[in-house]
Amino acid sequence: MDLLRLVAFDPEDLAVISAHLQDSLLRVGDIAYLPKERRFAIQTRRYDWEADKPQRRLTCMHFENVTGVRVRGIDQTNKDAVLNLLAIAFEETNAPSGTATLIFAEGGAIQVDLECIEMQMKDTGPVWAAESRPSHEEQLQPAGRL
């Protein structure tokens, strides 16, 4: 498969990118907020859901027009900690402004305040075999059981 490159300018576009980034793995040290450039960027190891065999790809993504970033439930001092990105959600506050929330397994989240949605995702190179296909069965247990 060719390298994937996507751009988001509205919530629907962002939902498509979120689907492609589901189950991406990233290190805390691969997260960068650049306030002077008004940019938030991460490098991930994206699970390639469209491939015939389980594989991951090195992928970068960034938001432009960033006015602030908040982090919850992530130890920012442990740069080697690995996070599993589950989804990116968007909540509009004062159109076209809003907050994009990167939701991670185990309860971590990063909220990125945006003047407007302008986000890019791009595969940047290496592809390697993944050990297995990500599974979310443990999240589908009946209510009351953890």
C-alpha atoms as a PDB file:
ATOM      1  CA  MET A   1       0.000   0.000   0.000  1.00  0.00           C
ATOM      2  CA  ASP A   2       1.156   3.520  -0.724  1.00  0.00           C
ATOM      3  CA  LEU A   3       1.906   5.966   2.031  1.00  0.00           C
ATOM      4  CA  LEU A   4      -1.299   7.455   3.437  1.00  0.00           C
ATOM      5  CA  ARG A   5      -1.646  11.231   3.645  1.00  0.00           C
ATOM      6  CA  LEU A   6      -4.830  12.859   4.977  1.00  0.00           C
ATOM      7  CA  VAL A   7      -5.922  16.405   5.844  1.00  0.00           C
ATOM      8  CA  ALA A   8      -8.794  17.483   8.116  1.00  0.00           C
ATOM      9  CA  PHE A   9     -10.627  20.802   7.978  1.00  0.00           C
ATOM     10  CA  ASP A  10     -13.886  19.805   9.706  1.00  0.00           C
ATOM     11  CA  PRO A  11     -15.161  17.290  12.279  1.00  0.00           C
ATOM     12  CA  GLU A  12     -16.062  14.731   9.598  1.00  0.00           C
ATOM     13  CA  ASP A  13     -12.531  14.803   8.162  1.00  0.00           C
ATOM     14  CA  LEU A  14     -11.127  14.470  11.671  1.00  0.00           C
ATOM     15  CA  ALA A  15     -13.311  11.388  12.290  1.00  0.00           C
ATOM     16  CA  VAL A  16     -11.778   9.714   9.209  1.00  0.00           C
ATOM     17  CA  ILE A  17      -8.250  10.417  10.468  1.00  0.00           C
ATOM     18  CA  SER A  18      -9.235   9.203  13.938  1.00  0.00           C
ATOM     19  CA  ALA A  19     -10.307   5.868  12.440  1.00  0.00           C
ATOM     20  CA  HIS A  20      -6.942   5.480  10.699  1.00  0.00           C
ATOM     21  CA  LEU A  21      -5.044   6.352  13.888  1.00  0.00           C
ATOM     22  CA  GLN A  22      -7.057   4.018  16.151  1.00  0.00           C
ATOM     23  CA  ASP A  23      -4.688   1.788  18.138  1.00  0.00           C
ATOM     24  CA  SER A  24      -1.604   3.795  17.228  1.00  0.00           C
ATOM     25  CA  LEU A  25       1.220   3.447  19.726  1.00  0.00           C
ATOM     26  CA  LEU A  26       3.379   6.382  20.708  1.00  0.00           C
ATOM     27  CA  ARG A  27       5.967   7.291  23.289  1.00  0.00           C
ATOM     28  CA  VAL A  28       5.360  10.282  25.556  1.00  0.00           C
ATOM     29  CA  GLY A  29       8.667  11.635  24.223  1.00  0.00           C
ATOM     30  CA  ASP A  30       7.159  11.707  20.703  1.00  0.00           C
ATOM     31  CA  ILE A  31       4.619  14.377  21.680  1.00  0.00           C
ATOM     32  CA  ALA A  32       5.468  18.025  21.015  1.00  0.00           C
ATOM     33  CA  TYR A  33       3.581  21.233  21.727  1.00  0.00           C
ATOM     34  CA  LEU A  34       5.184  24.205  19.976  1.00  0.00           C
ATOM     35  CA  PRO A  35       3.331  27.276  21.301  1.00  0.00           C
ATOM     36  CA  LYS A  36       5.316  29.831  19.261  1.00  0.00           C
ATOM     37  CA  GLU A  37       4.420  27.954  16.054  1.00  0.00           C
ATOM     38  CA  ARG A  38       0.894  27.285  17.376  1.00  0.00           C
ATOM     39  CA  ARG A  39       1.383  23.600  16.527  1.00  0.00           C
ATOM     40  CA  PHE A  40       0.821  20.297  18.338  1.00  0.00           C
ATOM     41  CA  ALA A  41       2.507  17.226  16.808  1.00  0.00           C
ATOM     42  CA  ILE A  42       2.996  13.539  17.532  1.00  0.00           C
ATOM     43  CA  GLN A  43       4.818  10.661  15.898  1.00  0.00           C
ATOM     44  CA  THR A  44       3.025   7.318  16.123  1.00  0.00           C
ATOM     45  CA  ARG A  45       3.376   3.705  15.167  1.00  0.00           C
ATOM     46  CA  ARG A  46       0.039   3.412  13.360  1.00  0.00           C
ATOM     47  CA  TYR A  47      -1.682   0.051  13.069  1.00  0.00           C
ATOM     48  CA  ASP A  48      -2.480  -0.360   9.365  1.00  0.00           C
ATOM     49  CA  TRP A  49      -6.096  -1.587   9.423  1.00  0.00           C
ATOM     50  CA  GLU A  50      -6.211  -1.854   5.621  1.00  0.00           C
ATOM     51  CA  ALA A  51      -3.229  -4.209   5.253  1.00  0.00           C
ATOM     52  CA  ASP A  52      -3.676  -7.935   4.587  1.00  0.00           C
ATOM     53  CA  LYS A  53      -1.306  -8.868   7.442  1.00  0.00           C
ATOM     54  CA  PRO A  54      -0.912  -7.220  10.867  1.00  0.00           C
ATOM     55  CA  GLN A  55       1.545  -4.356  10.409  1.00  0.00           C
ATOM     56  CA  ARG A  56       2.450  -0.947  11.746  1.00  0.00           C
ATOM     57  CA  ARG A  57       3.690   2.179   9.982  1.00  0.00           C
ATOM     58  CA  LEU A  58       5.590   5.197  11.225  1.00  0.00           C
ATOM     59  CA  THR A  59       3.121   8.085  10.966  1.00  0.00           C
ATOM     60  CA  CYS A  60       3.228  11.747  11.972  1.00  0.00           C
ATOM     61  CA  MET A  61       0.297  14.066  12.621  1.00  0.00           C
ATOM     62  CA  HIS A  62      -0.045  17.670  13.644  1.00  0.00           C
ATOM     63  CA  PHE A  63      -2.631  20.321  14.408  1.00  0.00           C
ATOM     64  CA  GLU A  64      -2.173  23.960  13.354  1.00  0.00           C
ATOM     65  CA  ASN A  65      -3.837  27.046  14.923  1.00  0.00           C
ATOM     66  CA  VAL A  66      -3.375  25.663  18.458  1.00  0.00           C
ATOM     67  CA  THR A  67      -4.221  28.055  21.288  1.00  0.00           C
ATOM     68  CA  GLY A  68      -3.561  25.701  24.217  1.00  0.00           C
ATOM     69  CA  VAL A  69      -2.949  22.107  25.300  1.00  0.00           C
ATOM     70  CA  ARG A  70      -4.007  20.260  28.485  1.00  0.00           C
ATOM     71  CA  VAL A  71      -2.920  16.792  29.584  1.00  0.00           C
ATOM     72  CA  ARG A  72      -4.751  14.436  31.967  1.00  0.00           C
ATOM     73  CA  GLY A  73      -3.653  11.043  33.243  1.00  0.00           C
ATOM     74  CA  ILE A  74      -0.286  10.944  31.441  1.00  0.00           C
ATOM     75  CA  ASP A  75       3.074  11.081  33.226  1.00  0.00           C
ATOM     76  CA  GLN A  76       4.926  13.607  31.077  1.00  0.00           C
ATOM     77  CA  THR A  77       8.226  12.952  32.892  1.00  0.00           C
ATOM     78  CA  ASN A  78       8.384   9.327  31.670  1.00  0.00           C
ATOM     79  CA  LYS A  79       9.387   9.967  28.038  1.00  0.00           C
ATOM     80  CA  ASP A  80       9.619   6.225  27.270  1.00  0.00           C
ATOM     81  CA  ALA A  81       6.082   5.410  28.463  1.00  0.00           C
ATOM     82  CA  VAL A  82       3.978   3.968  25.634  1.00  0.00           C
ATOM     83  CA  LEU A  83       0.448   5.264  25.007  1.00  0.00           C
ATOM     84  CA  ASN A  84      -2.281   3.587  22.944  1.00  0.00           C
ATOM     85  CA  LEU A  85      -4.374   6.140  21.025  1.00  0.00           C
ATOM     86  CA  LEU A  86      -8.007   5.028  20.864  1.00  0.00           C
ATOM     87  CA  ALA A  87      -9.660   8.008  19.166  1.00  0.00           C
ATOM     88  CA  ILE A  88      -9.646  11.721  18.432  1.00  0.00           C
ATOM     89  CA  ALA A  89     -12.881  13.543  19.272  1.00  0.00           C
ATOM     90  CA  PHE A  90     -13.837  17.149  18.539  1.00  0.00           C
ATOM     91  CA  GLU A  91     -16.145  19.434  20.481  1.00  0.00           C
ATOM     92  CA  GLU A  92     -17.013  22.770  18.919  1.00  0.00           C
ATOM     93  CA  THR A  93     -17.057  25.710  21.337  1.00  0.00           C
ATOM     94  CA  ASN A  94     -17.509  28.837  19.210  1.00  0.00           C
ATOM     95  CA  ALA A  95     -17.528  27.905  15.511  1.00  0.00           C
ATOM     96  CA  PRO A  96     -15.098  27.228  14.017  1.00  0.00           C
ATOM     97  CA  SER A  97     -13.137  27.019  17.302  1.00  0.00           C
ATOM     98  CA  GLY A  98     -13.192  23.944  19.483  1.00  0.00           C
ATOM     99  CA  THR A  99     -11.239  21.304  21.334  1.00  0.00           C
ATOM    100  CA  ALA A 100      -9.775  18.133  19.856  1.00  0.00           C
ATOM    101  CA  THR A 101      -9.332  15.415  22.486  1.00  0.00           C
ATOM    102  CA  LEU A 102      -6.877  12.575  21.963  1.00  0.00           C
ATOM    103  CA  ILE A 103      -8.245   9.672  24.018  1.00  0.00           C
ATOM    104  CA  PHE A 104      -5.803   7.020  25.209  1.00  0.00           C
ATOM    105  CA  ALA A 105      -6.274   3.591  26.760  1.00  0.00           C
ATOM    106  CA  GLU A 106      -6.091   3.521  30.558  1.00  0.00           C
ATOM    107  CA  GLY A 107      -7.797   6.921  30.862  1.00  0.00           C
ATOM    108  CA  GLY A 108      -5.188   9.366  29.593  1.00  0.00           C
ATOM    109  CA  ALA A 109      -6.209  12.293  27.396  1.00  0.00           C
ATOM    110  CA  ILE A 110      -4.754  15.335  25.695  1.00  0.00           C
ATOM    111  CA  GLN A 111      -7.013  18.274  24.866  1.00  0.00           C
ATOM    112  CA  VAL A 112      -5.877  20.576  22.075  1.00  0.00           C
ATOM    113  CA  ASP A 113      -7.677  23.925  21.821  1.00  0.00           C
ATOM    114  CA  LEU A 114      -8.008  25.068  18.205  1.00  0.00           C
ATOM    115  CA  GLU A 115      -9.031  28.274  16.439  1.00  0.00           C
ATOM    116  CA  CYS A 116     -10.250  25.969  13.680  1.00  0.00           C
ATOM    117  CA  ILE A 117      -9.563  22.414  12.545  1.00  0.00           C
ATOM    118  CA  GLU A 118      -6.457  22.180  10.417  1.00  0.00           C
ATOM    119  CA  MET A 119      -4.809  18.809  10.909  1.00  0.00           C
ATOM    120  CA  GLN A 120      -2.553  16.625   8.804  1.00  0.00           C
ATOM    121  CA  MET A 121      -1.603  12.962   9.075  1.00  0.00           C
ATOM    122  CA  LYS A 122       1.125  11.396   6.960  1.00  0.00           C
ATOM    123  CA  ASP A 123       2.829   8.005   6.835  1.00  0.00           C
ATOM    124  CA  THR A 124       6.533   8.768   6.846  1.00  0.00           C
ATOM    125  CA  GLY A 125       8.269   5.555   6.017  1.00  0.00           C
ATOM    126  CA  PRO A 126       9.069   2.261   7.674  1.00  0.00           C
ATOM    127  CA  VAL A 127       6.553  -0.579   7.793  1.00  0.00           C
ATOM    128  CA  TRP A 128       7.021  -3.622  10.030  1.00  0.00           C
ATOM    129  CA  ALA A 129       5.061  -6.697  11.069  1.00  0.00           C
ATOM    130  CA  ALA A 130       2.851  -6.261  14.125  1.00  0.00           C
ATOM    131  CA  GLU A 131       2.704  -9.027  16.711  1.00  0.00           C
ATOM    132  CA  SER A 132      -1.086  -9.201  16.532  1.00  0.00           C
ATOM    133  CA  ARG A 133      -4.242  -7.367  15.541  1.00  0.00           C
ATOM    134  CA  PRO A 134      -5.463  -4.969  18.282  1.00  0.00           C
ATOM    135  CA  SER A 135      -8.526  -6.233  20.143  1.00  0.00           C
ATOM    136  CA  HIS A 136     -11.079  -4.334  22.176  1.00  0.00           C
ATOM    137  CA  GLU A 137     -12.990  -7.301  23.579  1.00  0.00           C
ATOM    138  CA  GLU A 138     -12.014  -6.463  27.160  1.00  0.00           C
ATOM    139  CA  GLN A 139     -13.807  -3.112  26.745  1.00  0.00           C
ATOM    140  CA  LEU A 140     -17.039  -4.872  25.743  1.00  0.00           C
ATOM    141  CA  GLN A 141     -17.689  -6.585  29.068  1.00  0.00           C
ATOM    142  CA  PRO A 142     -21.141  -6.166  30.634  1.00  0.00           C
ATOM    143  CA  ALA A 143     -21.653  -3.129  32.859  1.00  0.00           C
ATOM    144  CA  GLY A 144     -20.503  -3.632  36.429  1.00  0.00           C
ATOM    145  CA  ARG A 145     -17.610  -5.931  35.553  1.00  0.00           C
ATOM    146  CA  LEU A 146     -14.105  -4.544  35.227  1.00  0.00           C
END
